[in-house]
């Protein structure tokens, strides 16, 4: 999605009662709408006025992105191990 599409979706979520629905439900909606993890981080930060660190924690620990989060964690661990071996 481009920035304009994300901003439009953000406005729709706010108007649709995102605060009442809660972060986890909105994250699920974002994923179903085709948002990537990075786009979801941006949107959660914007819609709920969270820091990027807090938005990342919400997205990465929630059920919607749990499989991808595990895959990313494994990748990061292998990347760090590789750098340490080369270092």
C-alpha atoms as a PDB file:
ATOM      1  CA  UNK A   1       0.000   0.000   0.000  1.00  0.00           C
ATOM      2  CA  UNK A   2       1.189   3.522  -0.636  1.00  0.00           C
ATOM      3  CA  UNK A   3       1.170   6.281   1.977  1.00  0.00           C
ATOM      4  CA  UNK A   4      -2.156   7.745   0.782  1.00  0.00           C
ATOM      5  CA  UNK A   5      -3.848   4.347   1.021  1.00  0.00           C
ATOM      6  CA  UNK A   6      -2.455   3.863   4.524  1.00  0.00           C
ATOM      7  CA  UNK A   7      -3.651   7.307   5.601  1.00  0.00           C
ATOM      8  CA  UNK A   8      -7.130   6.595   4.200  1.00  0.00           C
ATOM      9  CA  UNK A   9      -7.246   3.245   5.981  1.00  0.00           C
ATOM     10  CA  UNK A  10      -6.078   4.937   9.178  1.00  0.00           C
ATOM     11  CA  UNK A  11      -8.931   7.446   8.997  1.00  0.00           C
ATOM     12  CA  UNK A  12     -11.416   4.640   8.329  1.00  0.00           C
ATOM     13  CA  UNK A  13     -10.163   2.687  11.330  1.00  0.00           C
ATOM     14  CA  UNK A  14     -10.453   5.702  13.619  1.00  0.00           C
ATOM     15  CA  UNK A  15     -13.951   6.487  12.343  1.00  0.00           C
ATOM     16  CA  UNK A  16     -14.876   2.815  12.689  1.00  0.00           C
ATOM     17  CA  UNK A  17     -14.093   2.772  16.396  1.00  0.00           C
ATOM     18  CA  UNK A  18     -10.579   1.352  16.462  1.00  0.00           C
ATOM     19  CA  UNK A  19     -10.096   2.391  20.095  1.00  0.00           C
ATOM     20  CA  UNK A  20     -13.124   0.365  21.169  1.00  0.00           C
ATOM     21  CA  UNK A  21     -12.114  -2.647  19.066  1.00  0.00           C
ATOM     22  CA  UNK A  22      -8.644  -2.812  20.555  1.00  0.00           C
ATOM     23  CA  UNK A  23      -5.165  -3.160  19.165  1.00  0.00           C
ATOM     24  CA  UNK A  24      -5.248  -6.929  18.471  1.00  0.00           C
ATOM     25  CA  UNK A  25      -8.473  -6.692  16.470  1.00  0.00           C
ATOM     26  CA  UNK A  26      -7.173  -3.765  14.432  1.00  0.00           C
ATOM     27  CA  UNK A  27      -3.916  -5.617  13.716  1.00  0.00           C
ATOM     28  CA  UNK A  28      -5.944  -8.582  12.432  1.00  0.00           C
ATOM     29  CA  UNK A  29      -7.968  -6.229  10.214  1.00  0.00           C
ATOM     30  CA  UNK A  30      -4.786  -4.670   8.845  1.00  0.00           C
ATOM     31  CA  UNK A  31      -3.311  -8.049   7.969  1.00  0.00           C
ATOM     32  CA  UNK A  32      -6.565  -9.143   6.323  1.00  0.00           C
ATOM     33  CA  UNK A  33      -6.526  -5.877   4.346  1.00  0.00           C
ATOM     34  CA  UNK A  34      -3.127  -6.766   2.909  1.00  0.00           C
ATOM     35  CA  UNK A  35      -0.882  -4.621   5.100  1.00  0.00           C
ATOM     36  CA  UNK A  36       2.665  -5.837   5.667  1.00  0.00           C
ATOM     37  CA  UNK A  37       4.257  -6.010   9.111  1.00  0.00           C
ATOM     38  CA  UNK A  38       5.939  -2.639   8.559  1.00  0.00           C
ATOM     39  CA  UNK A  39       2.683  -1.080   7.376  1.00  0.00           C
ATOM     40  CA  UNK A  40       0.905  -2.566  10.391  1.00  0.00           C
ATOM     41  CA  UNK A  41       3.531  -1.034  12.706  1.00  0.00           C
ATOM     42  CA  UNK A  42       3.009   2.359  11.083  1.00  0.00           C
ATOM     43  CA  UNK A  43      -0.774   2.098  11.292  1.00  0.00           C
ATOM     44  CA  UNK A  44      -0.908   0.908  14.905  1.00  0.00           C
ATOM     45  CA  UNK A  45       1.471   3.696  15.879  1.00  0.00           C
ATOM     46  CA  UNK A  46      -0.685   6.251  14.098  1.00  0.00           C
ATOM     47  CA  UNK A  47      -4.164   4.993  15.055  1.00  0.00           C
ATOM     48  CA  UNK A  48      -3.390   4.376  18.733  1.00  0.00           C
ATOM     49  CA  UNK A  49      -0.777   7.152  19.176  1.00  0.00           C
ATOM     50  CA  UNK A  50       1.885   4.646  20.218  1.00  0.00           C
ATOM     51  CA  UNK A  51       5.626   4.938  19.876  1.00  0.00           C
ATOM     52  CA  UNK A  52       7.093   2.764  17.147  1.00  0.00           C
ATOM     53  CA  UNK A  53       8.648   0.563  19.851  1.00  0.00           C
ATOM     54  CA  UNK A  54       5.252   0.005  21.495  1.00  0.00           C
ATOM     55  CA  UNK A  55       3.576  -0.564  18.129  1.00  0.00           C
ATOM     56  CA  UNK A  56       6.278  -3.092  17.210  1.00  0.00           C
ATOM     57  CA  UNK A  57       5.757  -4.937  20.487  1.00  0.00           C
ATOM     58  CA  UNK A  58       1.992  -5.072  19.896  1.00  0.00           C
ATOM     59  CA  UNK A  59       2.301  -6.283  16.312  1.00  0.00           C
ATOM     60  CA  UNK A  60       5.123  -8.770  16.811  1.00  0.00           C
ATOM     61  CA  UNK A  61       3.718 -10.395  19.962  1.00  0.00           C
ATOM     62  CA  UNK A  62       0.101 -10.547  18.819  1.00  0.00           C
ATOM     63  CA  UNK A  63      -1.518 -13.605  17.270  1.00  0.00           C
ATOM     64  CA  UNK A  64      -1.952 -12.133  13.782  1.00  0.00           C
ATOM     65  CA  UNK A  65       1.749 -11.965  12.963  1.00  0.00           C
ATOM     66  CA  UNK A  66       3.102 -14.623  15.358  1.00  0.00           C
ATOM     67  CA  UNK A  67       4.365 -17.015  12.652  1.00  0.00           C
ATOM     68  CA  UNK A  68       6.109 -14.251  10.724  1.00  0.00           C
ATOM     69  CA  UNK A  69       7.523 -12.859  13.954  1.00  0.00           C
ATOM     70  CA  UNK A  70       9.043 -16.243  14.811  1.00  0.00           C
ATOM     71  CA  UNK A  71      10.526 -16.506  11.311  1.00  0.00           C
ATOM     72  CA  UNK A  72      12.033 -13.020  11.610  1.00  0.00           C
ATOM     73  CA  UNK A  73      13.486 -13.826  15.016  1.00  0.00           C
ATOM     74  CA  UNK A  74      15.146 -16.969  13.655  1.00  0.00           C
ATOM     75  CA  UNK A  75      16.568 -14.978  10.728  1.00  0.00           C
ATOM     76  CA  UNK A  76      17.950 -12.281  13.041  1.00  0.00           C
ATOM     77  CA  UNK A  77      19.571 -14.878  15.297  1.00  0.00           C
ATOM     78  CA  UNK A  78      21.248 -16.585  12.322  1.00  0.00           C
ATOM     79  CA  UNK A  79      22.368 -13.239  10.945  1.00  0.00           C
ATOM     80  CA  UNK A  80      23.954 -12.259  14.265  1.00  0.00           C
ATOM     81  CA  UNK A  81      25.641 -15.668  14.554  1.00  0.00           C
ATOM     82  CA  UNK A  82      27.079 -15.246  11.062  1.00  0.00           C
ATOM     83  CA  UNK A  83      28.459 -11.810  11.854  1.00  0.00           C
ATOM     84  CA  UNK A  84      29.969 -13.064  15.105  1.00  0.00           C
ATOM     85  CA  UNK A  85      31.723 -15.928  13.294  1.00  0.00           C
ATOM     86  CA  UNK A  86      33.083 -13.555  10.656  1.00  0.00           C
ATOM     87  CA  UNK A  87      33.898 -10.788  13.113  1.00  0.00           C
END
